[in-house]
Protein backbone atom coordinates (compact mmCIF):
# COMPACT_ATOMS: atom_id res chain seq x y z
CA MET A 1 13.16 -7.07 -15.68
CA ALA A 2 16.66 -7.93 -14.58
CA LYS A 3 16.72 -10.42 -11.57
CA LYS A 4 17.62 -8.36 -8.31
CA PRO A 5 19.42 -10.12 -5.13
CA VAL A 6 17.39 -12.45 -2.84
CA VAL A 7 17.52 -12.52 0.58
CA MET A 8 16.20 -15.40 2.69
CA GLY A 9 14.30 -13.70 5.61
CA THR A 10 11.90 -15.21 8.57
CA LEU A 11 8.39 -14.49 8.99
CA ALA A 12 8.56 -12.47 12.24
CA GLU A 13 4.82 -11.62 12.93
CA VAL A 14 1.42 -11.66 11.00
CA LEU A 15 -0.52 -9.26 12.10
CA PRO A 16 -4.92 -9.44 11.06
CA GLU A 17 -6.15 -6.32 9.17
CA THR A 18 -9.55 -7.44 8.05
CA PRO A 19 -10.80 -10.95 8.25
CA ARG A 20 -9.45 -11.26 4.74
CA VAL A 21 -5.97 -9.42 4.64
CA SER A 22 -3.08 -9.66 6.86
CA THR A 23 0.04 -7.79 6.99
CA PHE A 24 3.26 -10.00 7.25
CA VAL A 25 5.98 -8.99 8.86
CA VAL A 26 9.71 -10.47 7.59
CA ARG A 27 12.97 -9.93 9.59
CA LEU A 28 16.15 -10.01 7.54
CA PRO A 29 19.30 -11.37 8.66
CA GLU A 30 21.41 -9.06 10.23
CA GLU A 31 24.07 -8.89 7.74
CA ALA A 32 21.18 -8.39 4.97
CA GLU A 33 21.90 -5.57 2.41
CA PHE A 34 18.22 -4.47 1.32
CA SER A 35 17.31 -0.90 0.35
CA PHE A 36 14.21 0.68 -0.99
CA VAL A 37 12.20 3.55 -1.92
CA SER A 38 8.46 3.57 -0.87
CA GLY A 39 6.21 2.90 -3.53
CA GLN A 40 8.74 -0.39 -4.64
CA PHE A 41 7.87 -4.03 -4.35
CA ALA A 42 9.10 -7.09 -4.02
CA MET A 43 8.90 -11.03 -5.17
CA LEU A 44 8.06 -12.98 -2.46
CA SER A 45 8.32 -17.02 -2.25
CA LEU A 46 8.14 -19.75 0.17
CA PRO A 47 11.02 -22.22 -0.13
CA ASP A 48 8.77 -25.38 0.34
CA PHE A 49 5.61 -24.01 -1.99
CA LEU A 50 6.65 -25.26 -5.42
CA ASN A 51 5.14 -25.03 -8.83
CA ASP A 52 5.20 -28.12 -11.00
CA LYS A 53 8.23 -27.66 -12.39
CA GLY A 54 9.56 -28.02 -9.07
CA ARG A 55 10.46 -24.12 -8.65
CA PRO A 56 9.54 -21.82 -6.17
CA VAL A 57 5.77 -19.71 -6.58
CA ARG A 58 6.94 -16.43 -6.77
CA ARG A 59 4.42 -13.18 -6.51
CA ALA A 60 4.78 -9.44 -6.52
CA TYR A 61 3.75 -7.57 -3.27
CA SER A 62 4.29 -3.40 -2.57
CA ILE A 63 6.38 -3.23 0.33
CA ALA A 64 4.08 -1.72 3.01
CA SER A 65 6.33 -0.69 5.38
CA SER A 66 8.78 2.49 5.18
CA PRO A 67 12.61 2.50 4.56
CA HIS A 68 12.80 3.51 8.16
CA ASP A 69 11.74 0.59 9.44
CA LEU A 70 14.93 -1.24 8.07
CA ALA A 71 16.64 0.09 10.98
CA ARG A 72 14.70 -2.62 12.74
CA LYS A 73 15.53 -5.46 9.84
CA THR A 74 11.93 -5.68 8.96
CA LEU A 75 9.76 -5.68 5.92
CA SER A 76 5.98 -5.29 5.70
CA PHE A 77 3.69 -7.13 3.27
CA THR A 78 -0.14 -6.47 3.39
CA ILE A 79 -1.71 -9.50 1.63
CA THR A 80 -5.16 -10.21 0.39
CA ARG A 81 -6.46 -13.46 1.01
CA LYS A 82 -7.99 -14.50 -2.71
CA GLY A 83 -9.75 -17.40 -1.97
CA GLU A 84 -10.17 -20.13 -5.22
CA GLY A 85 -7.60 -19.44 -7.51
CA GLY A 86 -5.64 -16.96 -5.28
CA LEU A 87 -2.51 -19.64 -5.07
CA PHE A 88 0.39 -17.73 -2.76
CA SER A 89 -1.85 -15.89 -0.80
CA ASN A 90 -3.77 -18.61 0.02
CA ARG A 91 -0.43 -20.34 0.91
CA ILE A 92 0.98 -17.52 3.16
CA HIS A 93 -1.89 -16.87 5.12
CA GLU A 94 -1.39 -20.63 6.22
CA ALA A 95 2.48 -19.58 7.10
CA ARG A 96 3.57 -19.06 11.04
CA ALA A 97 6.31 -17.13 12.82
CA GLY A 98 9.65 -18.53 12.44
CA ASP A 99 8.97 -19.86 8.62
CA PRO A 100 11.09 -18.96 6.14
CA VAL A 101 10.64 -16.15 3.31
CA SER A 102 12.16 -15.30 0.45
CA VAL A 103 12.30 -12.02 -0.41
CA GLU A 104 13.84 -10.64 -4.01
CA GLY A 105 13.78 -7.10 -4.89
CA PRO A 106 13.17 -4.48 -4.79
CA TYR A 107 11.60 -3.68 -8.33
CA GLY A 108 9.74 -0.64 -9.47
CA SER A 109 10.73 2.87 -10.92
CA SER A 110 7.74 4.66 -12.04
CA PHE A 111 5.56 4.68 -8.86
CA VAL A 112 7.97 6.00 -6.69
CA LEU A 113 7.53 8.52 -3.64
CA ASP A 114 10.06 11.79 -3.73
CA PRO A 115 10.28 12.72 -0.02
CA GLN A 116 11.78 16.09 -1.07
CA ASP A 117 8.64 17.43 -3.04
CA PRO A 118 7.22 19.97 -0.86
CA ARG A 119 3.59 20.33 -2.67
CA PRO A 120 0.68 19.05 -0.27
CA HIS A 121 0.36 15.26 -0.94
CA LEU A 122 -2.66 13.99 -2.00
CA PHE A 123 -3.13 9.99 -1.40
CA ILE A 124 -6.16 8.27 -3.31
CA ALA A 125 -6.47 4.20 -2.51
CA ALA A 126 -9.26 2.02 -3.09
CA GLY A 127 -8.93 -1.52 -0.98
CA SER A 128 -5.63 -3.23 -0.65
CA GLY A 129 -3.97 -0.60 -3.13
CA ILE A 130 -3.35 1.21 0.45
CA ALA A 131 -0.40 -0.75 0.89
CA PRO A 132 2.21 1.06 -0.87
CA LEU A 133 0.68 4.41 0.23
CA ARG A 134 1.16 3.67 3.58
CA SER A 135 4.95 3.09 3.36
CA MET A 136 4.65 6.67 1.30
CA ILE A 137 2.80 8.16 4.21
CA ARG A 138 5.28 6.97 6.87
CA THR A 139 8.35 7.99 5.06
CA LEU A 140 7.02 11.80 4.88
CA LEU A 141 5.81 11.52 8.69
CA SER A 142 9.12 10.78 9.40
CA LYS A 143 10.28 13.96 8.24
CA GLU A 144 11.22 16.91 10.53
CA ALA A 145 8.67 19.06 8.63
CA PRO A 146 6.28 16.93 6.90
CA PRO A 147 4.12 18.48 3.93
CA PRO A 148 0.51 18.58 4.55
CA ILE A 149 -1.02 15.31 3.66
CA GLU A 150 -4.68 14.27 2.83
CA LEU A 151 -5.69 10.23 2.51
CA LEU A 152 -9.22 9.66 0.44
CA TYR A 153 -9.41 5.68 1.10
CA GLY A 154 -12.35 3.36 -0.39
CA PHE A 155 -13.20 0.32 0.93
CA ARG A 156 -16.52 -1.56 0.95
CA GLY A 157 -17.33 -1.35 4.78
CA GLU A 158 -16.11 -1.17 8.35
CA GLU A 159 -14.62 -4.50 8.60
CA ASP A 160 -12.63 -3.57 5.33
CA PHE A 161 -10.59 -1.04 6.99
CA ILE A 162 -6.98 -1.53 6.48
CA TYR A 163 -4.55 0.14 8.88
CA ALA A 164 -7.51 1.32 10.51
CA GLN A 165 -5.76 1.99 13.94
CA GLU A 166 -2.62 3.48 12.31
CA LEU A 167 -4.50 5.72 10.15
CA THR A 168 -7.18 6.99 12.61
CA GLY A 169 -4.45 7.64 14.91
CA TYR A 170 -2.53 10.11 12.27
CA GLU A 171 -5.68 11.89 12.21
CA LYS A 172 -6.10 12.63 15.70
CA SER A 173 -2.46 13.18 16.52
CA VAL A 174 -0.66 14.66 13.19
CA PRO A 175 -1.05 18.37 12.45
CA ASN A 176 -1.87 18.67 8.72
CA PHE A 177 -2.89 15.22 7.96
CA SER A 178 -6.44 14.68 6.75
CA LEU A 179 -8.10 11.11 6.38
CA LYS A 180 -11.24 10.76 4.38
CA THR A 181 -12.58 7.10 4.49
CA ALA A 182 -15.57 6.10 1.87
CA HIS A 183 -17.60 3.18 2.02
CA SER A 184 -18.91 1.75 -1.24
CA ARG A 185 -21.19 -0.79 0.58
CA PRO A 186 -22.23 1.05 3.53
CA SER A 187 -24.22 -0.08 6.64
CA SER A 188 -27.21 1.77 7.40
CA HIS A 189 -25.69 3.14 10.60
CA TRP A 190 -22.56 4.78 8.43
CA THR A 191 -22.72 8.68 8.30
CA GLY A 192 -19.58 9.40 6.43
CA LEU A 193 -18.83 9.30 2.57
CA SER A 194 -20.55 6.74 0.53
CA GLY A 195 -19.85 5.48 -2.86
CA ARG A 196 -16.93 4.39 -4.80
CA VAL A 197 -13.75 6.54 -4.82
CA PRO A 198 -14.29 8.21 -8.63
CA GLU A 199 -17.92 9.08 -7.91
CA LEU A 200 -16.69 11.40 -4.91
CA LEU A 201 -13.93 13.31 -6.81
CA PRO A 202 -16.05 16.11 -8.39
CA ARG A 203 -17.32 16.76 -5.01
CA LEU A 204 -14.24 16.77 -3.00
CA TYR A 205 -11.54 17.64 -5.68
CA PRO A 206 -13.37 19.86 -8.21
CA SER A 207 -9.89 21.56 -9.26
CA TYR A 208 -6.45 21.47 -9.22
CA LYS A 209 -4.84 23.24 -5.75
CA GLY A 210 -1.12 22.43 -6.48
CA GLN A 211 -0.81 18.84 -4.93
CA VAL A 212 1.21 16.06 -5.94
CA VAL A 213 -1.01 12.94 -6.39
CA TYR A 214 -0.48 9.03 -5.69
CA MET A 215 -3.07 6.54 -5.94
CA CYS A 216 -3.09 2.70 -6.28
CA GLY A 217 -6.34 0.23 -6.47
CA HIS A 218 -7.93 -1.62 -9.33
CA PRO A 219 -7.70 -0.59 -12.84
CA GLU A 220 -11.27 0.67 -13.22
CA MET A 221 -10.62 2.87 -10.41
CA VAL A 222 -7.54 4.33 -11.36
CA THR A 223 -8.59 4.85 -14.97
CA GLN A 224 -11.48 6.74 -13.77
CA THR A 225 -9.86 9.00 -11.13
CA VAL A 226 -6.97 9.85 -13.56
CA GLU A 227 -9.73 11.05 -16.36
CA TRP A 228 -11.67 13.18 -13.65
CA LEU A 229 -8.17 14.74 -12.24
CA GLY A 230 -7.30 15.51 -15.71
CA THR A 231 -10.93 17.40 -16.27
CA ALA A 232 -10.29 19.24 -13.11
CA GLY A 233 -6.97 20.54 -14.12
CA PHE A 234 -4.46 18.42 -12.07
CA PRO A 235 -1.24 18.36 -14.28
CA GLU A 236 -0.30 14.87 -15.42
CA GLU A 237 3.60 15.25 -14.00
CA ALA A 238 1.48 15.96 -10.42
CA VAL A 239 -0.27 12.27 -10.95
CA ARG A 240 1.52 8.83 -10.32
CA LYS A 241 -0.59 5.87 -10.39
CA GLU A 242 -0.24 2.28 -9.54
CA GLN A 243 -2.85 -0.45 -10.39
CA TRP A 244 -3.39 -3.88 -9.76
């Protein structure tokens, strides 16, 4: 992976999403030249957070904002605090507005949005896999005539709903935007979809109806989802995937 340009930005805002997840908004210098396509990622580092060799600890994170947000010279990254073993994720959750953040990138060419694709778009996410899909959805919604968009988003319970206000707002106000949320550990009063994402696919998507699919989540979810979509007749060229 050839090294890309490095831009030194400033942490502008930390937005809590769930008890374990926050979105970090990084402001770039006005003179900085940075461009990306929805779906790409960047390497983040903190200048004062070094490894045992004296080098900055670097980690890859999907860009959760859209290219249009660069008009404000900002990039967003949604990061889960991993607890023990989450070296960088724990450290950045201690950062405060005004702290320097190094951004290297963008990287990635296989999991990127084609904003000119006119087909209905089906997005499938689990947990923090929603981050790059949020960028893609924002990009599509910035178009004068966006295609039909459907999002199936699985997470453990109500408190784990990342971007809840934004996504439910789209559901209420954007024509041709459909949101389905599924709880894998539902509370007793939850009346919506329950279960893991792959378990719901045969009922929700029994056959191919011309969609292009973008999915992101943990490897097991992605593998099982790809298998079902193949069984249901989704052509390979219509299925784009990312896992972590």
